[in-house]
C-alpha atoms as a PDB file:
ATOM      1  CA  MET A   1    -154.719 -57.249  20.068  1.00  0.00           C
ATOM      2  CA  LEU A   2    -150.804 -57.747  19.994  1.00  0.00           C
ATOM      3  CA  ARG A   3    -150.059 -54.340  21.166  1.00  0.00           C
ATOM      4  CA  TRP A   4    -152.907 -54.765  23.999  1.00  0.00           C
ATOM      5  CA  ILE A   5    -151.210 -57.308  25.007  1.00  0.00           C
ATOM      6  CA  TYR A   6    -147.732 -56.472  24.318  1.00  0.00           C
ATOM      7  CA  PRO A   7    -147.612 -52.576  24.511  1.00  0.00           C
ATOM      8  CA  VAL A   8    -144.928 -50.522  22.713  1.00  0.00           C
ATOM      9  CA  THR A   9    -143.014 -48.439  25.079  1.00  0.00           C
ATOM     10  CA  CYS A  10    -140.450 -45.899  24.408  1.00  0.00           C
ATOM     11  CA  THR A  11    -136.616 -47.370  24.226  1.00  0.00           C
ATOM     12  CA  LEU A  12    -135.470 -44.372  25.821  1.00  0.00           C
ATOM     13  CA  CYS A  13    -138.084 -43.520  28.556  1.00  0.00           C
ATOM     14  CA  GLY A  14    -140.088 -46.607  28.972  1.00  0.00           C
ATOM     15  CA  GLU A  15    -143.061 -44.845  28.651  1.00  0.00           C
ATOM     16  CA  ALA A  16    -146.038 -46.436  26.465  1.00  0.00           C
ATOM     17  CA  ALA A  17    -145.728 -44.991  22.806  1.00  0.00           C
ATOM     18  CA  PRO A  18    -147.083 -45.770  19.461  1.00  0.00           C
ATOM     19  CA  LEU A  19    -143.653 -46.148  18.057  1.00  0.00           C
ATOM     20  CA  SER A  20    -140.506 -47.653  20.048  1.00  0.00           C
ATOM     21  CA  VAL A  21    -139.122 -43.908  20.336  1.00  0.00           C
ATOM     22  CA  CYS A  22    -141.720 -41.541  21.610  1.00  0.00           C
ATOM     23  CA  GLU A  23    -142.470 -38.172  19.904  1.00  0.00           C
ATOM     24  CA  SER A  24    -141.111 -36.415  23.009  1.00  0.00           C
ATOM     25  CA  CYS A  25    -137.744 -38.425  23.032  1.00  0.00           C
ATOM     26  CA  ARG A  26    -137.144 -37.855  19.238  1.00  0.00           C
ATOM     27  CA  ASP A  27    -137.685 -34.055  19.618  1.00  0.00           C
ATOM     28  CA  ALA A  28    -135.188 -34.209  22.277  1.00  0.00           C
ATOM     29  CA  LEU A  29    -132.114 -35.834  20.245  1.00  0.00           C
ATOM     30  CA  ARG A  30    -129.644 -33.326  19.249  1.00  0.00           C
ATOM     31  CA  ARG A  31    -130.146 -32.170  15.780  1.00  0.00           C
ATOM     32  CA  VAL A  32    -127.378 -31.092  13.183  1.00  0.00           C
ATOM     33  CA  PRO A  33    -126.876 -27.573  14.135  1.00  0.00           C
ATOM     34  CA  ARG A  34    -127.513 -24.850  11.581  1.00  0.00           C
ATOM     35  CA  PRO A  35    -125.894 -23.057   9.966  1.00  0.00           C
ATOM     36  CA  ILE A  36    -124.518 -25.969   7.195  1.00  0.00           C
ATOM     37  CA  CYS A  37    -122.855 -26.539   4.148  1.00  0.00           C
ATOM     38  CA  LEU A  38    -125.231 -26.103   1.351  1.00  0.00           C
ATOM     39  CA  TYR A  39    -123.532 -29.373  -0.591  1.00  0.00           C
ATOM     40  CA  CYS A  40    -122.756 -31.677   2.289  1.00  0.00           C
ATOM     41  CA  GLY A  41    -124.904 -30.820   4.703  1.00  0.00           C
ATOM     42  CA  ALA A  42    -121.987 -30.331   7.384  1.00  0.00           C
ATOM     43  CA  ALA A  43    -122.337 -27.859  10.316  1.00  0.00           C
ATOM     44  CA  THR A  44    -120.215 -25.107   9.507  1.00  0.00           C
ATOM     45  CA  ALA A  45    -120.850 -22.643  12.306  1.00  0.00           C
ATOM     46  CA  GLY A  46    -120.669 -19.386   9.842  1.00  0.00           C
ATOM     47  CA  THR A  47    -116.888 -20.325   9.239  1.00  0.00           C
ATOM     48  CA  ALA A  48    -117.433 -21.470   5.478  1.00  0.00           C
ATOM     49  CA  ALA A  49    -115.549 -19.570   3.156  1.00  0.00           C
ATOM     50  CA  GLU A  50    -118.117 -20.670   0.737  1.00  0.00           C
ATOM     51  CA  PRO A  51    -121.963 -21.527   2.074  1.00  0.00           C
ATOM     52  CA  ASP A  52    -121.983 -24.535  -0.792  1.00  0.00           C
ATOM     53  CA  ARG A  53    -118.594 -25.834  -0.050  1.00  0.00           C
ATOM     54  CA  CYS A  54    -116.977 -26.168   3.685  1.00  0.00           C
ATOM     55  CA  GLU A  55    -113.528 -27.639   4.909  1.00  0.00           C
ATOM     56  CA  SER A  56    -114.687 -31.540   4.877  1.00  0.00           C
ATOM     57  CA  CYS A  57    -116.000 -31.659   1.663  1.00  0.00           C
ATOM     58  CA  LYS A  58    -113.843 -28.867  -0.463  1.00  0.00           C
ATOM     59  CA  ASP A  59    -111.033 -31.480  -1.440  1.00  0.00           C
ATOM     60  CA  PHE A  60    -113.365 -33.965  -3.203  1.00  0.00           C
ATOM     61  CA  ALA A  61    -115.493 -33.806  -6.512  1.00  0.00           C
ATOM     62  CA  ARG A  62    -118.912 -32.910  -6.604  1.00  0.00           C
ATOM     63  CA  VAL A  63    -120.327 -36.207  -7.259  1.00  0.00           C
ATOM     64  CA  TYR A  64    -124.046 -36.037  -5.841  1.00  0.00           C
ATOM     65  CA  ASP A  65    -125.740 -32.406  -5.448  1.00  0.00           C
ATOM     66  CA  TRP A  66    -126.986 -32.081  -1.859  1.00  0.00           C
ATOM     67  CA  ALA A  67    -126.581 -34.275   1.511  1.00  0.00           C
ATOM     68  CA  ARG A  68    -128.237 -33.496   4.584  1.00  0.00           C
ATOM     69  CA  SER A  69    -128.621 -35.333   7.905  1.00  0.00           C
ATOM     70  CA  ALA A  70    -131.169 -34.824  10.682  1.00  0.00           C
ATOM     71  CA  LEU A  71    -129.153 -35.905  13.723  1.00  0.00           C
ATOM     72  CA  VAL A  72    -125.468 -35.559  15.388  1.00  0.00           C
ATOM     73  CA  LEU A  73    -124.108 -38.722  15.716  1.00  0.00           C
ATOM     74  CA  GLY A  74    -123.495 -39.144  19.674  1.00  0.00           C
ATOM     75  CA  GLY A  75    -125.179 -39.759  23.013  1.00  0.00           C
ATOM     76  CA  GLU A  76    -128.600 -41.440  22.748  1.00  0.00           C
ATOM     77  CA  THR A  77    -128.689 -41.234  18.717  1.00  0.00           C
ATOM     78  CA  ARG A  78    -125.352 -43.202  18.677  1.00  0.00           C
ATOM     79  CA  GLY A  79    -126.960 -45.939  20.855  1.00  0.00           C
ATOM     80  CA  LEU A  80    -130.178 -46.054  18.581  1.00  0.00           C
ATOM     81  CA  VAL A  81    -128.278 -46.014  15.241  1.00  0.00           C
ATOM     82  CA  HIS A  82    -125.854 -49.073  17.038  1.00  0.00           C
ATOM     83  CA  ASP A  83    -128.642 -50.980  17.915  1.00  0.00           C
ATOM     84  CA  LEU A  84    -130.543 -50.919  14.586  1.00  0.00           C
ATOM     85  CA  LYS A  85    -127.088 -51.783  12.836  1.00  0.00           C
ATOM     86  CA  TYR A  86    -125.644 -54.199  15.281  1.00  0.00           C
ATOM     87  CA  HIS A  87    -128.311 -55.613  17.530  1.00  0.00           C
ATOM     88  CA  ARG A  88    -131.271 -56.766  15.296  1.00  0.00           C
ATOM     89  CA  ALA A  89    -133.178 -53.789  16.431  1.00  0.00           C
ATOM     90  CA  SER A  90    -135.085 -53.242  13.293  1.00  0.00           C
ATOM     91  CA  TYR A  91    -137.999 -51.895  15.226  1.00  0.00           C
ATOM     92  CA  LEU A  92    -136.073 -48.739  15.719  1.00  0.00           C
ATOM     93  CA  ALA A  93    -136.540 -47.971  11.756  1.00  0.00           C
ATOM     94  CA  GLU A  94    -140.080 -47.013  12.303  1.00  0.00           C
ATOM     95  CA  PRO A  95    -139.178 -43.954  14.527  1.00  0.00           C
ATOM     96  CA  MET A  96    -135.934 -42.956  12.425  1.00  0.00           C
ATOM     97  CA  ALA A  97    -137.990 -42.949   9.450  1.00  0.00           C
ATOM     98  CA  GLU A  98    -140.290 -40.291  11.225  1.00  0.00           C
ATOM     99  CA  ILE A  99    -137.100 -38.157  11.795  1.00  0.00           C
ATOM    100  CA  LEU A 100    -135.965 -38.597   8.238  1.00  0.00           C
ATOM    101  CA  LEU A 101    -139.694 -37.489   7.061  1.00  0.00           C
ATOM    102  CA  GLN A 102    -139.081 -34.344   9.217  1.00  0.00           C
ATOM    103  CA  LEU A 103    -135.961 -33.866   7.709  1.00  0.00           C
ATOM    104  CA  TRP A 104    -137.608 -34.558   4.181  1.00  0.00           C
ATOM    105  CA  ALA A 105    -140.122 -31.884   4.846  1.00  0.00           C
ATOM    106  CA  SER A 106    -137.759 -29.198   5.762  1.00  0.00           C
ATOM    107  CA  THR A 107    -135.431 -29.531   2.649  1.00  0.00           C
ATOM    108  CA  PRO A 108    -136.002 -27.305   0.293  1.00  0.00           C
ATOM    109  CA  GLN A 109    -134.763 -29.714  -2.689  1.00  0.00           C
ATOM    110  CA  LEU A 110    -137.462 -32.063  -1.656  1.00  0.00           C
ATOM    111  CA  ALA A 111    -140.481 -29.386  -1.378  1.00  0.00           C
ATOM    112  CA  SER A 112    -141.837 -31.810  -4.554  1.00  0.00           C
ATOM    113  CA  HIS A 113    -140.723 -35.449  -4.678  1.00  0.00           C
ATOM    114  CA  CYS A 114    -142.311 -35.982  -7.960  1.00  0.00           C
ATOM    115  CA  ASP A 115    -140.188 -38.400 -10.248  1.00  0.00           C
ATOM    116  CA  CYS A 116    -138.232 -39.408  -7.458  1.00  0.00           C
ATOM    117  CA  ALA A 117    -136.811 -42.730  -6.097  1.00  0.00           C
ATOM    118  CA  LEU A 118    -135.407 -43.900  -2.772  1.00  0.00           C
ATOM    119  CA  VAL A 119    -131.983 -45.918  -3.262  1.00  0.00           C
ATOM    120  CA  PRO A 120    -130.844 -47.628  -0.132  1.00  0.00           C
ATOM    121  CA  VAL A 121    -127.007 -47.985   0.338  1.00  0.00           C
ATOM    122  CA  PRO A 122    -126.390 -51.333  -0.190  1.00  0.00           C
ATOM    123  CA  ILE A 123    -124.641 -53.825   2.363  1.00  0.00           C
ATOM    124  CA  ASP A 124    -122.293 -56.916   1.403  1.00  0.00           C
ATOM    125  CA  PRO A 125    -124.249 -60.490   1.375  1.00  0.00           C
ATOM    126  CA  LEU A 126    -122.410 -61.324   4.525  1.00  0.00           C
ATOM    127  CA  ARG A 127    -123.585 -58.657   6.757  1.00  0.00           C
ATOM    128  CA  SER A 128    -127.284 -58.992   5.438  1.00  0.00           C
ATOM    129  CA  HIS A 129    -127.495 -62.602   6.407  1.00  0.00           C
ATOM    130  CA  GLU A 130    -125.799 -61.845   9.975  1.00  0.00           C
ATOM    131  CA  ARG A 131    -128.082 -58.780  10.516  1.00  0.00           C
ATOM    132  CA  GLY A 132    -131.248 -60.252   9.025  1.00  0.00           C
ATOM    133  CA  TYR A 133    -131.592 -57.142   6.824  1.00  0.00           C
ATOM    134  CA  ASN A 134    -130.128 -53.658   5.529  1.00  0.00           C
ATOM    135  CA  GLN A 135    -130.652 -51.017   7.697  1.00  0.00           C
ATOM    136  CA  ALA A 136    -130.532 -48.593   4.947  1.00  0.00           C
ATOM    137  CA  GLU A 137    -133.411 -50.604   3.072  1.00  0.00           C
ATOM    138  CA  LEU A 138    -135.525 -50.707   5.999  1.00  0.00           C
ATOM    139  CA  LEU A 139    -134.892 -47.018   6.360  1.00  0.00           C
ATOM    140  CA  ALA A 140    -136.029 -46.180   2.463  1.00  0.00           C
ATOM    141  CA  ARG A 141    -138.808 -48.629   2.634  1.00  0.00           C
ATOM    142  CA  LYS A 142    -140.146 -47.120   5.803  1.00  0.00           C
ATOM    143  CA  LEU A 143    -139.664 -43.582   4.625  1.00  0.00           C
ATOM    144  CA  GLY A 144    -141.240 -44.193   1.109  1.00  0.00           C
ATOM    145  CA  ALA A 145    -144.406 -45.938   2.040  1.00  0.00           C
ATOM    146  CA  ARG A 146    -145.123 -42.589   4.329  1.00  0.00           C
ATOM    147  CA  LEU A 147    -144.403 -40.304   1.048  1.00  0.00           C
ATOM    148  CA  GLY A 148    -145.518 -42.692  -1.785  1.00  0.00           C
ATOM    149  CA  VAL A 149    -142.237 -42.799  -3.131  1.00  0.00           C
ATOM    150  CA  PRO A 150    -140.592 -45.850  -4.737  1.00  0.00           C
ATOM    151  CA  VAL A 151    -137.742 -47.547  -3.289  1.00  0.00           C
ATOM    152  CA  GLN A 152    -135.310 -48.959  -6.318  1.00  0.00           C
ATOM    153  CA  GLN A 153    -131.965 -50.702  -5.677  1.00  0.00           C
ATOM    154  CA  PRO A 154    -130.066 -50.290  -8.620  1.00  0.00           C
ATOM    155  CA  LEU A 155    -126.694 -50.453  -6.396  1.00  0.00           C
ATOM    156  CA  MET A 156    -124.866 -53.541  -4.785  1.00  0.00           C
ATOM    157  CA  ARG A 157    -121.859 -53.983  -2.411  1.00  0.00           C
ATOM    158  CA  LEU A 158    -119.064 -55.820  -3.606  1.00  0.00           C
ATOM    159  CA  LEU A 159    -116.820 -57.989  -0.948  1.00  0.00           C
ATOM    160  CA  SER A 160    -113.356 -56.576  -0.686  1.00  0.00           C
ATOM    161  CA  ASP A 161    -110.207 -57.771   0.914  1.00  0.00           C
ATOM    162  CA  GLU A 162    -109.869 -54.473   2.850  1.00  0.00           C
ATOM    163  CA  ASP A 163    -113.617 -55.544   4.434  1.00  0.00           C
ATOM    164  CA  THR A 164    -111.510 -57.517   7.005  1.00  0.00           C
ATOM    165  CA  ARG A 165    -110.251 -53.901   8.640  1.00  0.00           C
ATOM    166  CA  SER A 166    -112.133 -51.530  10.707  1.00  0.00           C
ATOM    167  CA  MET A 167    -112.362 -48.323   8.162  1.00  0.00           C
ATOM    168  CA  THR A 168    -112.847 -46.075  11.244  1.00  0.00           C
ATOM    169  CA  ARG A 169    -108.990 -45.264  11.727  1.00  0.00           C
ATOM    170  CA  LEU A 170    -108.995 -44.513   8.026  1.00  0.00           C
ATOM    171  CA  SER A 171    -108.381 -41.279   6.603  1.00  0.00           C
ATOM    172  CA  ALA A 172    -111.013 -39.603   4.564  1.00  0.00           C
ATOM    173  CA  ARG A 173    -109.003 -39.756   1.450  1.00  0.00           C
ATOM    174  CA  ALA A 174    -108.312 -44.024   2.255  1.00  0.00           C
ATOM    175  CA  ARG A 175    -112.040 -44.061   3.067  1.00  0.00           C
ATOM    176  CA  GLN A 176    -113.051 -42.742  -0.246  1.00  0.00           C
ATOM    177  CA  GLN A 177    -110.610 -45.102  -2.290  1.00  0.00           C
ATOM    178  CA  HIS A 178    -111.878 -48.370  -0.681  1.00  0.00           C
ATOM    179  CA  ALA A 179    -115.666 -46.932  -0.934  1.00  0.00           C
ATOM    180  CA  ASN A 180    -114.693 -46.798  -4.920  1.00  0.00           C
ATOM    181  CA  LYS A 181    -113.755 -50.435  -5.265  1.00  0.00           C
ATOM    182  CA  VAL A 182    -116.811 -52.046  -3.558  1.00  0.00           C
ATOM    183  CA  TYR A 183    -120.102 -50.115  -5.019  1.00  0.00           C
ATOM    184  CA  ALA A 184    -121.438 -51.114  -8.110  1.00  0.00           C
ATOM    185  CA  LEU A 185    -124.138 -51.546 -10.519  1.00  0.00           C
ATOM    186  CA  SER A 186    -126.498 -54.889  -9.276  1.00  0.00           C
ATOM    187  CA  PRO A 187    -126.486 -57.565 -12.447  1.00  0.00           C
ATOM    188  CA  HIS A 188    -129.917 -58.267 -11.100  1.00  0.00           C
ATOM    189  CA  TRP A 189    -131.284 -54.796 -11.673  1.00  0.00           C
ATOM    190  CA  LEU A 190    -129.888 -54.384 -15.172  1.00  0.00           C
ATOM    191  CA  LYS A 191    -130.894 -57.894 -15.713  1.00  0.00           C
ATOM    192  CA  LYS A 192    -134.856 -56.429 -15.131  1.00  0.00           C
ATOM    193  CA  LYS A 193    -133.847 -53.125 -17.718  1.00  0.00           C
ATOM    194  CA  GLU A 194    -135.463 -50.852 -14.839  1.00  0.00           C
ATOM    195  CA  THR A 195    -134.898 -47.229 -15.302  1.00  0.00           C
ATOM    196  CA  LEU A 196    -134.623 -44.402 -12.511  1.00  0.00           C
ATOM    197  CA  PRO A 197    -136.170 -41.511 -12.634  1.00  0.00           C
ATOM    198  CA  VAL A 198    -134.702 -37.935 -13.157  1.00  0.00           C
ATOM    199  CA  ARG A 199    -134.163 -37.278  -9.140  1.00  0.00           C
ATOM    200  CA  VAL A 200    -132.901 -39.712  -6.764  1.00  0.00           C
ATOM    201  CA  VAL A 201    -132.350 -39.959  -3.045  1.00  0.00           C
ATOM    202  CA  ILE A 202    -129.542 -42.051  -1.383  1.00  0.00           C
ATOM    203  CA  VAL A 203    -130.780 -43.268   2.042  1.00  0.00           C
ATOM    204  CA  ASP A 204    -128.304 -44.502   4.748  1.00  0.00           C
ATOM    205  CA  ASP A 205    -128.279 -44.448   8.420  1.00  0.00           C
ATOM    206  CA  VAL A 206    -124.916 -42.567   8.996  1.00  0.00           C
ATOM    207  CA  TYR A 207    -122.911 -39.933   6.994  1.00  0.00           C
ATOM    208  CA  THR A 208    -119.151 -40.299   8.171  1.00  0.00           C
ATOM    209  CA  THR A 209    -116.968 -38.691   6.293  1.00  0.00           C
ATOM    210  CA  GLY A 210    -119.292 -38.908   2.841  1.00  0.00           C
ATOM    211  CA  ALA A 211    -116.945 -41.500   1.175  1.00  0.00           C
ATOM    212  CA  THR A 212    -119.873 -43.971   0.756  1.00  0.00           C
ATOM    213  CA  ALA A 213    -122.179 -41.156  -0.791  1.00  0.00           C
ATOM    214  CA  ARG A 214    -119.817 -40.556  -3.105  1.00  0.00           C
ATOM    215  CA  ALA A 215    -119.146 -43.749  -4.453  1.00  0.00           C
ATOM    216  CA  CYS A 216    -122.742 -44.736  -4.592  1.00  0.00           C
ATOM    217  CA  ALA A 217    -123.418 -41.273  -6.462  1.00  0.00           C
ATOM    218  CA  LYS A 218    -120.608 -41.746  -8.644  1.00  0.00           C
ATOM    219  CA  VAL A 219    -122.013 -45.155  -9.857  1.00  0.00           C
ATOM    220  CA  LEU A 220    -125.596 -43.433 -10.256  1.00  0.00           C
ATOM    221  CA  ARG A 221    -124.379 -40.956 -12.222  1.00  0.00           C
ATOM    222  CA  THR A 222    -123.330 -43.429 -14.947  1.00  0.00           C
ATOM    223  CA  LEU A 223    -127.367 -44.428 -15.513  1.00  0.00           C
ATOM    224  CA  PRO A 224    -129.190 -42.491 -18.151  1.00  0.00           C
ATOM    225  CA  GLY A 225    -131.958 -39.778 -17.338  1.00  0.00           C
ATOM    226  CA  VAL A 226    -130.582 -39.487 -13.601  1.00  0.00           C
ATOM    227  CA  GLN A 227    -130.270 -35.895 -13.162  1.00  0.00           C
ATOM    228  CA  GLU A 228    -130.274 -34.835  -9.467  1.00  0.00           C
ATOM    229  CA  ILE A 229    -129.072 -36.948  -6.838  1.00  0.00           C
ATOM    230  CA  GLY A 230    -129.544 -36.098  -2.972  1.00  0.00           C
ATOM    231  CA  VAL A 231    -128.368 -37.995   0.159  1.00  0.00           C
ATOM    232  CA  LEU A 232    -130.368 -38.268   3.271  1.00  0.00           C
ATOM    233  CA  THR A 233    -129.060 -40.302   6.224  1.00  0.00           C
ATOM    234  CA  VAL A 234    -130.762 -40.320   9.716  1.00  0.00           C
ATOM    235  CA  ALA A 235    -127.273 -39.075  11.628  1.00  0.00           C
ATOM    236  CA  ARG A 236    -124.106 -37.230  11.198  1.00  0.00           C
ATOM    237  CA  ALA A 237    -120.613 -37.770  12.465  1.00  0.00           C
ATOM    238  CA  MET A 238    -119.240 -34.499  13.735  1.00  0.00           C
END
C-alpha cells in the first residue's frame, strides 16, 4: 500500500523502480576494469609483473587472501556512496547490495559460500550516532539476507587522537599506521564467546588504499579457526 501511495523512483534517472537505483542505472555504473590484481583487486591494465601482486599492494604484507570491488569510485558512484555515508540515505544500501550480489556471483573464491560469515567494517560510536547507522553493516545485512549468510561483528573501532584529522591527504603508509591503531576485537563479542567460521568476508563501502581492510584482517587473523579472509567493497578509489 505504501509503495502505491509513495512509489519508489530511481535516484539517478527518476523513473519508477523496485529499488532506489533502477537496474538500468545500476548496470550503467562504471565497473572496475579488467584485468585486475588477483590479490587486492586493483585494475592493472596488464602492467603488473605478477598477477597476484600489483604496484599498489606489493609493499604491504599479505594479511587478507583476496579483495574485490564492484565499481570505480567516481561520477555517479561517488555521489551514491557519499549520500549513503553522510546524508542518511540508508535506502541506497538496497541497490548497493544488489551490486555486491553480482560481484559475489562473479568471484571464484565465493562460488560456494558454505561455512562463511560477513564481517562489516565498524565505525566509531560518534559517527554511528551522527549517521544513525553503520553503512558497512547495512550493506552486509542486506547482502547476507539475499545469500542466507550470517553477519557477525567481532570488530570494534576505537577513537584516536588522529581522528580529528582528515586521512585523505595522508600517504598509504601513514594511513596504514593509523588504521592499525584503531581496530580491535569487540569486548561484547568476546563476552558472548562466539566463534567465526573458516571463511570470513569483510564488507565495506569503499576500498581506498586498503589500510582499513588490512587492519581488520590482521585482527581477525588472531581468532582461532579463521583460515581465509576476503574483502568485498561496493567501490574502489582508482
